[in-house]
């Protein structure tokens, strides 16, 4: 069995998914069901795609799966910004900071993987 704790992005996106689950429960308590559903789907999908990339069949497959993860991260950031800017919604600045960090890390991994692939 592999040890995902040795992999920063796998660990970071898993911990983020747990934080998203808790935040979505808060949204549901506030009857913000539509946003909670969207955020739960995109926010937990990031880590699932990162994890799936760990078993990619090729470097191109790895990059493709991480590109899906970054698209989900962008969508998650969008929903978190909706919460932040909507007066009647709870917001969590730590989640926004964390998703920004995840997007930067994923971008760097994709970029460096592409560079390795072209050399």
PDB file of N, CA and C in Angstrom:
ATOM      1  N   UNK A   1       0.846  -1.189   0.000  1.00  0.00           N
ATOM      2  CA  UNK A   1       0.000   0.000   0.000  1.00  0.00           C
ATOM      3  C   UNK A   1       0.881   1.237   0.000  1.00  0.00           C
ATOM      4  N   UNK A   2       0.554   2.178  -0.863  1.00  0.00           N
ATOM      5  CA  UNK A   2       1.379   3.385  -0.943  1.00  0.00           C
ATOM      6  C   UNK A   2       1.090   4.308   0.242  1.00  0.00           C
ATOM      7  N   UNK A   3       2.064   5.132   0.557  1.00  0.00           N
ATOM      8  CA  UNK A   3       1.922   6.069   1.665  1.00  0.00           C
ATOM      9  C   UNK A   3       1.686   7.466   1.103  1.00  0.00           C
ATOM     10  N   UNK A   4       0.421   7.900   1.034  1.00  0.00           N
ATOM     11  CA  UNK A   4       0.084   9.199   0.468  1.00  0.00           C
ATOM     12  C   UNK A   4       0.548  10.362   1.345  1.00  0.00           C
ATOM     13  N   UNK A   5       0.926  10.093   2.568  1.00  0.00           N
ATOM     14  CA  UNK A   5       1.407  11.165   3.432  1.00  0.00           C
ATOM     15  C   UNK A   5       2.753  11.712   2.954  1.00  0.00           C
ATOM     16  N   UNK A   6       3.428  10.951   2.096  1.00  0.00           N
ATOM     17  CA  UNK A   6       4.689  11.406   1.536  1.00  0.00           C
ATOM     18  C   UNK A   6       4.467  12.274   0.307  1.00  0.00           C
ATOM     19  N   UNK A   7       3.224  12.449  -0.114  1.00  0.00           N
ATOM     20  CA  UNK A   7       2.912  13.196  -1.312  1.00  0.00           C
ATOM     21  C   UNK A   7       2.126  14.446  -0.913  1.00  0.00           C
ATOM     22  N   UNK A   8       2.759  15.597  -1.005  1.00  0.00           N
ATOM     23  CA  UNK A   8       2.174  16.862  -0.539  1.00  0.00           C
ATOM     24  C   UNK A   8       0.802  17.125  -1.145  1.00  0.00           C
ATOM     25  N   UNK A   9       0.671  17.032  -2.459  1.00  0.00           N
ATOM     26  CA  UNK A   9      -0.591  17.410  -3.085  1.00  0.00           C
ATOM     27  C   UNK A   9      -1.701  16.397  -2.802  1.00  0.00           C
ATOM     28  N   UNK A  10      -1.364  15.126  -2.684  1.00  0.00           N
ATOM     29  CA  UNK A  10      -2.369  14.123  -2.327  1.00  0.00           C
ATOM     30  C   UNK A  10      -2.890  14.415  -0.916  1.00  0.00           C
ATOM     31  N   UNK A  11      -1.980  14.654   0.003  1.00  0.00           N
ATOM     32  CA  UNK A  11      -2.357  14.938   1.394  1.00  0.00           C
ATOM     33  C   UNK A  11      -3.129  16.255   1.497  1.00  0.00           C
ATOM     34  N   UNK A  12      -2.629  17.281   0.826  1.00  0.00           N
ATOM     35  CA  UNK A  12      -3.243  18.611   0.901  1.00  0.00           C
ATOM     36  C   UNK A  12      -4.665  18.597   0.343  1.00  0.00           C
ATOM     37  N   UNK A  13      -4.879  17.911  -0.789  1.00  0.00           N
ATOM     38  CA  UNK A  13      -6.217  17.887  -1.378  1.00  0.00           C
ATOM     39  C   UNK A  13      -7.174  17.006  -0.581  1.00  0.00           C
ATOM     40  N   UNK A  14      -6.651  15.974   0.078  1.00  0.00           N
ATOM     41  CA  UNK A  14      -7.500  15.146   0.938  1.00  0.00           C
ATOM     42  C   UNK A  14      -7.960  15.965   2.152  1.00  0.00           C
ATOM     43  N   UNK A  15      -7.018  16.663   2.793  1.00  0.00           N
ATOM     44  CA  UNK A  15      -7.369  17.498   3.955  1.00  0.00           C
ATOM     45  C   UNK A  15      -8.342  18.603   3.553  1.00  0.00           C
ATOM     46  N   UNK A  16      -8.142  19.155   2.349  1.00  0.00           N
ATOM     47  CA  UNK A  16      -9.044  20.189   1.848  1.00  0.00           C
ATOM     48  C   UNK A  16     -10.458  19.626   1.669  1.00  0.00           C
ATOM     49  N   UNK A  17     -10.567  18.420   1.138  1.00  0.00           N
ATOM     50  CA  UNK A  17     -11.876  17.792   0.944  1.00  0.00           C
ATOM     51  C   UNK A  17     -12.608  17.641   2.281  1.00  0.00           C
ATOM     52  N   UNK A  18     -11.878  17.269   3.320  1.00  0.00           N
ATOM     53  CA  UNK A  18     -12.487  17.140   4.652  1.00  0.00           C
ATOM     54  C   UNK A  18     -12.996  18.497   5.132  1.00  0.00           C
ATOM     55  N   UNK A  19     -12.211  19.541   4.898  1.00  0.00           N
ATOM     56  CA  UNK A  19     -12.626  20.900   5.275  1.00  0.00           C
ATOM     57  C   UNK A  19     -13.873  21.321   4.489  1.00  0.00           C
ATOM     58  N   UNK A  20     -13.922  20.953   3.217  1.00  0.00           N
ATOM     59  CA  UNK A  20     -15.068  21.289   2.368  1.00  0.00           C
ATOM     60  C   UNK A  20     -16.334  20.586   2.862  1.00  0.00           C
ATOM     61  N   UNK A  21     -16.206  19.330   3.243  1.00  0.00           N
ATOM     62  CA  UNK A  21     -17.362  18.593   3.765  1.00  0.00           C
ATOM     63  C   UNK A  21     -17.940  19.328   4.974  1.00  0.00           C
ATOM     64  N   UNK A  22     -17.079  19.746   5.880  1.00  0.00           N
ATOM     65  CA  UNK A  22     -17.545  20.475   7.075  1.00  0.00           C
ATOM     66  C   UNK A  22     -18.201  21.801   6.702  1.00  0.00           C
ATOM     67  N   UNK A  23     -17.590  22.529   5.772  1.00  0.00           N
ATOM     68  CA  UNK A  23     -18.155  23.812   5.369  1.00  0.00           C
ATOM     69  C   UNK A  23     -19.507  23.623   4.673  1.00  0.00           C
ATOM     70  N   UNK A  24     -19.628  22.578   3.867  1.00  0.00           N
ATOM     71  CA  UNK A  24     -20.898  22.310   3.188  1.00  0.00           C
ATOM     72  C   UNK A  24     -21.997  21.947   4.188  1.00  0.00           C
ATOM     73  N   UNK A  25     -21.623  21.293   5.276  1.00  0.00           N
ATOM     74  CA  UNK A  25     -22.601  21.026   6.333  1.00  0.00           C
ATOM     75  C   UNK A  25     -23.099  22.341   6.931  1.00  0.00           C
ATOM     76  N   UNK A  26     -22.186  23.295   7.113  1.00  0.00           N
ATOM     77  CA  UNK A  26     -22.577  24.623   7.606  1.00  0.00           C
ATOM     78  C   UNK A  26     -23.502  25.318   6.600  1.00  0.00           C
ATOM     79  N   UNK A  27     -23.177  25.225   5.322  1.00  0.00           N
ATOM     80  CA  UNK A  27     -24.058  25.811   4.297  1.00  0.00           C
ATOM     81  C   UNK A  27     -25.447  25.190   4.355  1.00  0.00           C
ATOM     82  N   UNK A  28     -25.502  23.874   4.512  1.00  0.00           N
ATOM     83  CA  UNK A  28     -26.806  23.204   4.577  1.00  0.00           C
ATOM     84  C   UNK A  28     -27.583  23.614   5.826  1.00  0.00           C
ATOM     85  N   UNK A  29     -26.879  23.786   6.936  1.00  0.00           N
ATOM     86  CA  UNK A  29     -27.542  24.269   8.159  1.00  0.00           C
ATOM     87  C   UNK A  29     -28.178  25.633   7.915  1.00  0.00           C
ATOM     88  N   UNK A  30     -27.556  26.429   7.025  1.00  0.00           N
ATOM     89  CA  UNK A  30     -28.065  27.748   6.667  1.00  0.00           C
ATOM     90  C   UNK A  30     -28.991  27.693   5.450  1.00  0.00           C
ATOM     91  N   UNK A  31     -29.382  26.487   5.059  1.00  0.00           N
ATOM     92  CA  UNK A  31     -30.331  26.249   3.968  1.00  0.00           C
ATOM     93  C   UNK A  31     -29.824  26.752   2.618  1.00  0.00           C
ATOM     94  N   UNK A  32     -28.532  26.693   2.409  1.00  0.00           N
ATOM     95  CA  UNK A  32     -27.906  27.082   1.138  1.00  0.00           C
ATOM     96  C   UNK A  32     -27.572  25.806   0.361  1.00  0.00           C
ATOM     97  N   UNK A  33     -28.615  25.057   0.037  1.00  0.00           N
ATOM     98  CA  UNK A  33     -28.458  23.701  -0.488  1.00  0.00           C
ATOM     99  C   UNK A  33     -27.817  23.644  -1.871  1.00  0.00           C
ATOM    100  N   UNK A  34     -28.183  24.549  -2.760  1.00  0.00           N
ATOM    101  CA  UNK A  34     -27.669  24.504  -4.137  1.00  0.00           C
ATOM    102  C   UNK A  34     -26.161  24.732  -4.148  1.00  0.00           C
ATOM    103  N   UNK A  35     -25.705  25.752  -3.473  1.00  0.00           N
ATOM    104  CA  UNK A  35     -24.270  26.041  -3.422  1.00  0.00           C
ATOM    105  C   UNK A  35     -23.546  24.933  -2.663  1.00  0.00           C
ATOM    106  N   UNK A  36     -24.147  24.447  -1.594  1.00  0.00           N
ATOM    107  CA  UNK A  36     -23.524  23.363  -0.820  1.00  0.00           C
ATOM    108  C   UNK A  36     -23.296  22.144  -1.705  1.00  0.00           C
ATOM    109  N   UNK A  37     -24.267  21.790  -2.519  1.00  0.00           N
ATOM    110  CA  UNK A  37     -24.155  20.624  -3.396  1.00  0.00           C
ATOM    111  C   UNK A  37     -23.052  20.826  -4.439  1.00  0.00           C
ATOM    112  N   UNK A  38     -23.029  22.010  -5.059  1.00  0.00           N
ATOM    113  CA  UNK A  38     -22.013  22.309  -6.077  1.00  0.00           C
ATOM    114  C   UNK A  38     -20.611  22.301  -5.472  1.00  0.00           C
ATOM    115  N   UNK A  39     -20.482  22.939  -4.320  1.00  0.00           N
ATOM    116  CA  UNK A  39     -19.184  23.043  -3.652  1.00  0.00           C
ATOM    117  C   UNK A  39     -18.701  21.691  -3.157  1.00  0.00           C
ATOM    118  N   UNK A  40     -19.602  20.891  -2.638  1.00  0.00           N
ATOM    119  CA  UNK A  40     -19.227  19.553  -2.178  1.00  0.00           C
ATOM    120  C   UNK A  40     -18.717  18.706  -3.346  1.00  0.00           C
ATOM    121  N   UNK A  41     -19.396  18.782  -4.477  1.00  0.00           N
ATOM    122  CA  UNK A  41     -19.000  18.004  -5.641  1.00  0.00           C
ATOM    123  C   UNK A  41     -17.623  18.437  -6.157  1.00  0.00           C
ATOM    124  N   UNK A  42     -17.458  19.735  -6.400  1.00  0.00           N
ATOM    125  CA  UNK A  42     -16.185  20.191  -6.968  1.00  0.00           C
ATOM    126  C   UNK A  42     -15.046  20.123  -5.948  1.00  0.00           C
ATOM    127  N   UNK A  43     -15.326  20.462  -4.707  1.00  0.00           N
ATOM    128  CA  UNK A  43     -14.280  20.506  -3.683  1.00  0.00           C
ATOM    129  C   UNK A  43     -13.712  19.152  -3.301  1.00  0.00           C
ATOM    130  N   UNK A  44     -14.533  18.116  -3.386  1.00  0.00           N
ATOM    131  CA  UNK A  44     -14.031  16.774  -3.081  1.00  0.00           C
ATOM    132  C   UNK A  44     -13.460  16.091  -4.322  1.00  0.00           C
ATOM    133  N   UNK A  45     -13.857  16.561  -5.488  1.00  0.00           N
ATOM    134  CA  UNK A  45     -13.374  15.986  -6.737  1.00  0.00           C
ATOM    135  C   UNK A  45     -11.894  16.280  -6.983  1.00  0.00           C
ATOM    136  N   UNK A  46     -11.408  17.381  -6.459  1.00  0.00           N
ATOM    137  CA  UNK A  46     -10.001  17.751  -6.657  1.00  0.00           C
ATOM    138  C   UNK A  46      -9.098  16.619  -6.181  1.00  0.00           C
ATOM    139  N   UNK A  47      -9.261  16.239  -4.926  1.00  0.00           N
ATOM    140  CA  UNK A  47      -8.428  15.189  -4.352  1.00  0.00           C
ATOM    141  C   UNK A  47      -8.631  13.844  -5.011  1.00  0.00           C
ATOM    142  N   UNK A  48      -9.867  13.558  -5.426  1.00  0.00           N
ATOM    143  CA  UNK A  48     -10.131  12.286  -6.100  1.00  0.00           C
ATOM    144  C   UNK A  48      -9.361  12.217  -7.414  1.00  0.00           C
ATOM    145  N   UNK A  49      -9.324  13.312  -8.147  1.00  0.00           N
ATOM    146  CA  UNK A  49      -8.594  13.339  -9.416  1.00  0.00           C
ATOM    147  C   UNK A  49      -7.086  13.318  -9.201  1.00  0.00           C
ATOM    148  N   UNK A  50      -6.612  14.003  -8.169  1.00  0.00           N
ATOM    149  CA  UNK A  50      -5.185  13.963  -7.846  1.00  0.00           C
ATOM    150  C   UNK A  50      -4.782  12.540  -7.475  1.00  0.00           C
ATOM    151  N   UNK A  51      -5.609  11.913  -6.695  1.00  0.00           N
ATOM    152  CA  UNK A  51      -5.328  10.532  -6.285  1.00  0.00           C
ATOM    153  C   UNK A  51      -5.333   9.587  -7.488  1.00  0.00           C
ATOM    154  N   UNK A  52      -6.298   9.785  -8.370  1.00  0.00           N
ATOM    155  CA  UNK A  52      -6.373   8.968  -9.578  1.00  0.00           C
ATOM    156  C   UNK A  52      -5.121   9.178 -10.443  1.00  0.00           C
ATOM    157  N   UNK A  53      -4.611  10.394 -10.481  1.00  0.00           N
ATOM    158  CA  UNK A  53      -3.407  10.700 -11.270  1.00  0.00           C
ATOM    159  C   UNK A  53      -2.195   9.908 -10.778  1.00  0.00           C
ATOM    160  N   UNK A  54      -2.202   9.534  -9.522  1.00  0.00           N
ATOM    161  CA  UNK A  54      -1.072   8.777  -8.968  1.00  0.00           C
ATOM    162  C   UNK A  54      -0.939   7.406  -9.625  1.00  0.00           C
ATOM    163  N   UNK A  55      -2.014   6.931 -10.214  1.00  0.00           N
ATOM    164  CA  UNK A  55      -2.011   5.635 -10.887  1.00  0.00           C
ATOM    165  C   UNK A  55      -2.154   5.784 -12.395  1.00  0.00           C
ATOM    166  N   UNK A  56      -1.731   6.926 -12.917  1.00  0.00           N
ATOM    167  CA  UNK A  56      -1.852   7.191 -14.350  1.00  0.00           C
ATOM    168  C   UNK A  56      -1.062   6.172 -15.159  1.00  0.00           C
ATOM    169  N   UNK A  57      -1.553   5.922 -16.362  1.00  0.00           N
ATOM    170  CA  UNK A  57      -0.920   4.939 -17.237  1.00  0.00           C
ATOM    171  C   UNK A  57       0.280   5.512 -17.983  1.00  0.00           C
ATOM    172  N   UNK A  58       0.369   6.842 -18.061  1.00  0.00           N
ATOM    173  CA  UNK A  58       1.471   7.489 -18.759  1.00  0.00           C
ATOM    174  C   UNK A  58       1.622   8.912 -18.222  1.00  0.00           C
ATOM    175  N   UNK A  59       2.683   9.587 -18.628  1.00  0.00           N
ATOM    176  CA  UNK A  59       2.883  10.983 -18.228  1.00  0.00           C
ATOM    177  C   UNK A  59       1.751  11.851 -18.776  1.00  0.00           C
ATOM    178  N   UNK A  60       1.318  11.589 -20.010  1.00  0.00           N
ATOM    179  CA  UNK A  60       0.212  12.360 -20.585  1.00  0.00           C
ATOM    180  C   UNK A  60      -1.094  12.120 -19.829  1.00  0.00           C
ATOM    181  N   UNK A  61      -1.342  10.892 -19.403  1.00  0.00           N
ATOM    182  CA  UNK A  61      -2.529  10.574 -18.606  1.00  0.00           C
ATOM    183  C   UNK A  61      -2.459  11.288 -17.254  1.00  0.00           C
ATOM    184  N   UNK A  62      -1.263  11.299 -16.655  1.00  0.00           N
ATOM    185  CA  UNK A  62      -1.033  11.999 -15.384  1.00  0.00           C
ATOM    186  C   UNK A  62      -1.382  13.482 -15.528  1.00  0.00           C
ATOM    187  N   UNK A  63      -0.859  14.109 -16.580  1.00  0.00           N
ATOM    188  CA  UNK A  63      -1.122  15.533 -16.819  1.00  0.00           C
ATOM    189  C   UNK A  63      -2.613  15.768 -17.041  1.00  0.00           C
ATOM    190  N   UNK A  64      -3.252  14.903 -17.820  1.00  0.00           N
ATOM    191  CA  UNK A  64      -4.685  15.036 -18.093  1.00  0.00           C
ATOM    192  C   UNK A  64      -5.510  14.993 -16.809  1.00  0.00           C
ATOM    193  N   UNK A  65      -5.202  14.051 -15.933  1.00  0.00           N
ATOM    194  CA  UNK A  65      -5.951  13.923 -14.678  1.00  0.00           C
ATOM    195  C   UNK A  65      -5.732  15.138 -13.777  1.00  0.00           C
ATOM    196  N   UNK A  66      -4.504  15.665 -13.767  1.00  0.00           N
ATOM    197  CA  UNK A  66      -4.240  16.866 -12.967  1.00  0.00           C
ATOM    198  C   UNK A  66      -4.917  18.093 -13.566  1.00  0.00           C
ATOM    199  N   UNK A  67      -5.068  18.125 -14.884  1.00  0.00           N
ATOM    200  CA  UNK A  67      -5.804  19.229 -15.506  1.00  0.00           C
ATOM    201  C   UNK A  67      -7.277  19.186 -15.101  1.00  0.00           C
ATOM    202  N   UNK A  68      -7.832  18.002 -14.985  1.00  0.00           N
ATOM    203  CA  UNK A  68      -9.209  17.876 -14.488  1.00  0.00           C
ATOM    204  C   UNK A  68      -9.271  18.379 -13.049  1.00  0.00           C
ATOM    205  N   UNK A  69      -8.280  18.000 -12.235  1.00  0.00           N
ATOM    206  CA  UNK A  69      -8.248  18.444 -10.833  1.00  0.00           C
ATOM    207  C   UNK A  69      -8.187  19.964 -10.741  1.00  0.00           C
ATOM    208  N   UNK A  70      -7.385  20.607 -11.587  1.00  0.00           N
ATOM    209  CA  UNK A  70      -7.268  22.065 -11.512  1.00  0.00           C
ATOM    210  C   UNK A  70      -8.547  22.747 -11.987  1.00  0.00           C
ATOM    211  N   UNK A  71      -9.250  22.146 -12.938  1.00  0.00           N
ATOM    212  CA  UNK A  71     -10.555  22.689 -13.345  1.00  0.00           C
ATOM    213  C   UNK A  71     -11.543  22.628 -12.183  1.00  0.00           C
ATOM    214  N   UNK A  72     -11.528  21.524 -11.465  1.00  0.00           N
ATOM    215  CA  UNK A  72     -12.401  21.396 -10.290  1.00  0.00           C
ATOM    216  C   UNK A  72     -11.998  22.400  -9.204  1.00  0.00           C
ATOM    217  N   UNK A  73     -10.692  22.622  -9.065  1.00  0.00           N
ATOM    218  CA  UNK A  73     -10.203  23.597  -8.078  1.00  0.00           C
ATOM    219  C   UNK A  73     -10.663  25.006  -8.450  1.00  0.00           C
ATOM    220  N   UNK A  74     -10.598  25.343  -9.735  1.00  0.00           N
ATOM    221  CA  UNK A  74     -11.077  26.655 -10.185  1.00  0.00           C
ATOM    222  C   UNK A  74     -12.570  26.820  -9.894  1.00  0.00           C
ATOM    223  N   UNK A  75     -13.339  25.761 -10.149  1.00  0.00           N
ATOM    224  CA  UNK A  75     -14.771  25.826  -9.863  1.00  0.00           C
ATOM    225  C   UNK A  75     -15.016  25.972  -8.361  1.00  0.00           C
ATOM    226  N   UNK A  76     -14.252  25.254  -7.576  1.00  0.00           N
ATOM    227  CA  UNK A  76     -14.380  25.342  -6.115  1.00  0.00           C
ATOM    228  C   UNK A  76     -14.086  26.762  -5.640  1.00  0.00           C
ATOM    229  N   UNK A  77     -13.028  27.352  -6.183  1.00  0.00           N
ATOM    230  CA  UNK A  77     -12.688  28.732  -5.827  1.00  0.00           C
ATOM    231  C   UNK A  77     -13.850  29.666  -6.180  1.00  0.00           C
ATOM    232  N   UNK A  78     -14.478  29.444  -7.319  1.00  0.00           N
ATOM    233  CA  UNK A  78     -15.630  30.239  -7.741  1.00  0.00           C
ATOM    234  C   UNK A  78     -16.752  30.179  -6.696  1.00  0.00           C
ATOM    235  N   UNK A  79     -17.119  28.965  -6.269  1.00  0.00           N
ATOM    236  CA  UNK A  79     -18.211  28.815  -5.307  1.00  0.00           C
ATOM    237  C   UNK A  79     -17.839  29.425  -3.956  1.00  0.00           C
ATOM    238  N   UNK A  80     -16.576  29.300  -3.565  1.00  0.00           N
ATOM    239  CA  UNK A  80     -16.139  29.918  -2.306  1.00  0.00           C
ATOM    240  C   UNK A  80     -16.208  31.443  -2.387  1.00  0.00           C
ATOM    241  N   UNK A  81     -15.886  31.989  -3.555  1.00  0.00           N
ATOM    242  CA  UNK A  81     -15.997  33.443  -3.739  1.00  0.00           C
ATOM    243  C   UNK A  81     -17.453  33.889  -3.737  1.00  0.00           C
ATOM    244  N   UNK A  82     -18.347  33.067  -4.296  1.00  0.00           N
ATOM    245  CA  UNK A  82     -19.785  33.366  -4.224  1.00  0.00           C
ATOM    246  C   UNK A  82     -20.197  33.492  -2.750  1.00  0.00           C
ATOM    247  N   UNK A  83     -19.756  32.532  -1.939  1.00  0.00           N
ATOM    248  CA  UNK A  83     -20.080  32.574  -0.504  1.00  0.00           C
ATOM    249  C   UNK A  83     -19.512  33.827   0.149  1.00  0.00           C
ATOM    250  N   UNK A  84     -18.286  34.153  -0.191  1.00  0.00           N
ATOM    251  CA  UNK A  84     -17.629  35.320   0.414  1.00  0.00           C
ATOM    252  C   UNK A  84     -18.356  36.618   0.063  1.00  0.00           C
ATOM    253  N   UNK A  85     -18.790  36.730  -1.172  1.00  0.00           N
ATOM    254  CA  UNK A  85     -19.378  37.984  -1.643  1.00  0.00           C
ATOM    255  C   UNK A  85     -20.880  38.097  -1.394  1.00  0.00           C
ATOM    256  N   UNK A  86     -21.534  36.982  -1.072  1.00  0.00           N
ATOM    257  CA  UNK A  86     -22.972  37.002  -0.809  1.00  0.00           C
ATOM    258  C   UNK A  86     -23.208  37.274   0.671  1.00  0.00           C
ATOM    259  N   UNK A  87     -23.951  38.299   0.949  1.00  0.00           N
ATOM    260  CA  UNK A  87     -24.130  38.744   2.332  1.00  0.00           C
ATOM    261  C   UNK A  87     -24.813  37.712   3.212  1.00  0.00           C
ATOM    262  N   UNK A  88     -25.687  36.908   2.660  1.00  0.00           N
ATOM    263  CA  UNK A  88     -26.447  35.972   3.495  1.00  0.00           C
ATOM    264  C   UNK A  88     -25.804  34.581   3.582  1.00  0.00           C
ATOM    265  N   UNK A  89     -24.571  34.444   3.084  1.00  0.00           N
ATOM    266  CA  UNK A  89     -23.885  33.150   3.103  1.00  0.00           C
ATOM    267  C   UNK A  89     -22.743  33.156   4.106  1.00  0.00           C
ATOM    268  N   UNK A  90     -22.512  32.015   4.757  1.00  0.00           N
ATOM    269  CA  UNK A  90     -21.295  31.902   5.560  1.00  0.00           C
ATOM    270  C   UNK A  90     -20.086  31.868   4.616  1.00  0.00           C
ATOM    271  N   UNK A  91     -18.938  32.252   5.130  1.00  0.00           N
ATOM    272  CA  UNK A  91     -17.727  32.255   4.321  1.00  0.00           C
ATOM    273  C   UNK A  91     -16.577  31.726   5.162  1.00  0.00           C
ATOM    274  N   UNK A  92     -15.540  31.251   4.496  1.00  0.00           N
ATOM    275  CA  UNK A  92     -14.384  30.702   5.202  1.00  0.00           C
ATOM    276  C   UNK A  92     -13.113  31.130   4.464  1.00  0.00           C
ATOM    277  N   UNK A  93     -12.445  32.116   5.003  1.00  0.00           N
ATOM    278  CA  UNK A  93     -11.236  32.659   4.381  1.00  0.00           C
ATOM    279  C   UNK A  93     -10.123  31.613   4.294  1.00  0.00           C
ATOM    280  N   UNK A  94     -10.048  30.713   5.272  1.00  0.00           N
ATOM    281  CA  UNK A  94      -9.023  29.662   5.245  1.00  0.00           C
ATOM    282  C   UNK A  94      -9.191  28.751   4.030  1.00  0.00           C
ATOM    283  N   UNK A  95     -10.431  28.460   3.661  1.00  0.00           N
ATOM    284  CA  UNK A  95     -10.673  27.637   2.473  1.00  0.00           C
ATOM    285  C   UNK A  95     -10.217  28.358   1.208  1.00  0.00           C
ATOM    286  N   UNK A  96     -10.451  29.664   1.140  1.00  0.00           N
ATOM    287  CA  UNK A  96      -9.995  30.428  -0.023  1.00  0.00           C
ATOM    288  C   UNK A  96      -8.468  30.459  -0.109  1.00  0.00           C
ATOM    289  N   UNK A  97      -7.823  30.608   1.011  1.00  0.00           N
ATOM    290  CA  UNK A  97      -6.355  30.590   1.034  1.00  0.00           C
ATOM    291  C   UNK A  97      -5.847  29.218   0.601  1.00  0.00           C
ATOM    292  N   UNK A  98      -6.471  28.178   1.108  1.00  0.00           N
ATOM    293  CA  UNK A  98      -6.043  26.816   0.798  1.00  0.00           C
ATOM    294  C   UNK A  98      -6.265  26.469  -0.675  1.00  0.00           C
ATOM    295  N   UNK A  99      -7.404  26.861  -1.239  1.00  0.00           N
ATOM    296  CA  UNK A  99      -7.662  26.526  -2.644  1.00  0.00           C
ATOM    297  C   UNK A  99      -6.704  27.285  -3.553  1.00  0.00           C
ATOM    298  N   UNK A 100      -6.347  28.493  -3.193  1.00  0.00           N
ATOM    299  CA  UNK A 100      -5.354  29.252  -3.972  1.00  0.00           C
ATOM    300  C   UNK A 100      -4.016  28.534  -3.959  1.00  0.00           C
ATOM    301  N   UNK A 101      -3.633  28.032  -2.807  1.00  0.00           N
ATOM    302  CA  UNK A 101      -2.389  27.271  -2.679  1.00  0.00           C
ATOM    303  C   UNK A 101      -2.431  25.996  -3.515  1.00  0.00           C
ATOM    304  N   UNK A 102      -3.544  25.292  -3.467  1.00  0.00           N
ATOM    305  CA  UNK A 102      -3.698  24.050  -4.241  1.00  0.00           C
ATOM    306  C   UNK A 102      -3.597  24.335  -5.732  1.00  0.00           C
ATOM    307  N   UNK A 103      -4.241  25.396  -6.197  1.00  0.00           N
ATOM    308  CA  UNK A 103      -4.186  25.756  -7.620  1.00  0.00           C
ATOM    309  C   UNK A 103      -2.746  26.052  -8.039  1.00  0.00           C
ATOM    310  N   UNK A 104      -2.016  26.770  -7.206  1.00  0.00           N
ATOM    311  CA  UNK A 104      -0.609  27.078  -7.526  1.00  0.00           C
ATOM    312  C   UNK A 104       0.232  25.810  -7.602  1.00  0.00           C
ATOM    313  N   UNK A 105       0.040  24.914  -6.658  1.00  0.00           N
ATOM    314  CA  UNK A 105       0.813  23.664  -6.643  1.00  0.00           C
ATOM    315  C   UNK A 105       0.472  22.814  -7.861  1.00  0.00           C
ATOM    316  N   UNK A 106      -0.819  22.672  -8.155  1.00  0.00           N
ATOM    317  CA  UNK A 106      -1.225  21.881  -9.322  1.00  0.00           C
ATOM    318  C   UNK A 106      -0.663  22.487 -10.614  1.00  0.00           C
ATOM    319  N   UNK A 107      -0.716  23.802 -10.724  1.00  0.00           N
ATOM    320  CA  UNK A 107      -0.170  24.473 -11.910  1.00  0.00           C
ATOM    321  C   UNK A 107       1.308  24.174 -12.072  1.00  0.00           C
ATOM    322  N   UNK A 108       2.039  24.219 -10.970  1.00  0.00           N
ATOM    323  CA  UNK A 108       3.480  23.948 -10.998  1.00  0.00           C
ATOM    324  C   UNK A 108       3.756  22.495 -11.392  1.00  0.00           C
ATOM    325  N   UNK A 109       2.995  21.561 -10.828  1.00  0.00           N
ATOM    326  CA  UNK A 109       3.186  20.142 -11.156  1.00  0.00           C
ATOM    327  C   UNK A 109       2.892  19.903 -12.637  1.00  0.00           C
ATOM    328  N   UNK A 110       1.801  20.481 -13.134  1.00  0.00           N
ATOM    329  CA  UNK A 110       1.443  20.309 -14.548  1.00  0.00           C
ATOM    330  C   UNK A 110       2.534  20.899 -15.437  1.00  0.00           C
ATOM    331  N   UNK A 111       2.966  22.100 -15.112  1.00  0.00           N
ATOM    332  CA  UNK A 111       4.000  22.767 -15.902  1.00  0.00           C
ATOM    333  C   UNK A 111       5.299  21.966 -15.928  1.00  0.00           C
ATOM    334  N   UNK A 112       5.744  21.521 -14.771  1.00  0.00           N
ATOM    335  CA  UNK A 112       7.010  20.774 -14.727  1.00  0.00           C
ATOM    336  C   UNK A 112       6.861  19.395 -15.382  1.00  0.00           C
ATOM    337  N   UNK A 113       5.675  18.809 -15.296  1.00  0.00           N
ATOM    338  CA  UNK A 113       5.445  17.506 -15.960  1.00  0.00           C
ATOM    339  C   UNK A 113       5.459  17.661 -17.476  1.00  0.00           C
ATOM    340  N   UNK A 114       4.891  18.760 -17.965  1.00  0.00           N
ATOM    341  CA  UNK A 114       4.920  19.029 -19.403  1.00  0.00           C
ATOM    342  C   UNK A 114       6.352  19.228 -19.875  1.00  0.00           C
ATOM    343  N   UNK A 115       7.145  19.957 -19.089  1.00  0.00           N
ATOM    344  CA  UNK A 115       8.543  20.203 -19.444  1.00  0.00           C
ATOM    345  C   UNK A 115       9.338  18.894 -19.485  1.00  0.00           C
ATOM    346  N   UNK A 116       9.091  18.008 -18.545  1.00  0.00           N
ATOM    347  CA  UNK A 116       9.750  16.703 -18.528  1.00  0.00           C
ATOM    348  C   UNK A 116       9.319  15.867 -19.720  1.00  0.00           C
ATOM    349  N   UNK A 117       8.045  16.019 -20.079  1.00  0.00           N
ATOM    350  CA  UNK A 117       7.493  15.222 -21.176  1.00  0.00           C
ATOM    351  C   UNK A 117       8.062  15.654 -22.532  1.00  0.00           C
ATOM    352  N   UNK A 118       8.393  16.952 -22.662  1.00  0.00           N
ATOM    353  CA  UNK A 118       8.876  17.455 -23.947  1.00  0.00           C
ATOM    354  C   UNK A 118      10.381  17.304 -24.102  1.00  0.00           C
ATOM    355  N   UNK A 119      11.073  16.955 -23.038  1.00  0.00           N
ATOM    356  CA  UNK A 119      12.528  16.835 -23.158  1.00  0.00           C
ATOM    357  C   UNK A 119      12.980  15.427 -23.444  1.00  0.00           C
TER     358      UNK A 119
END
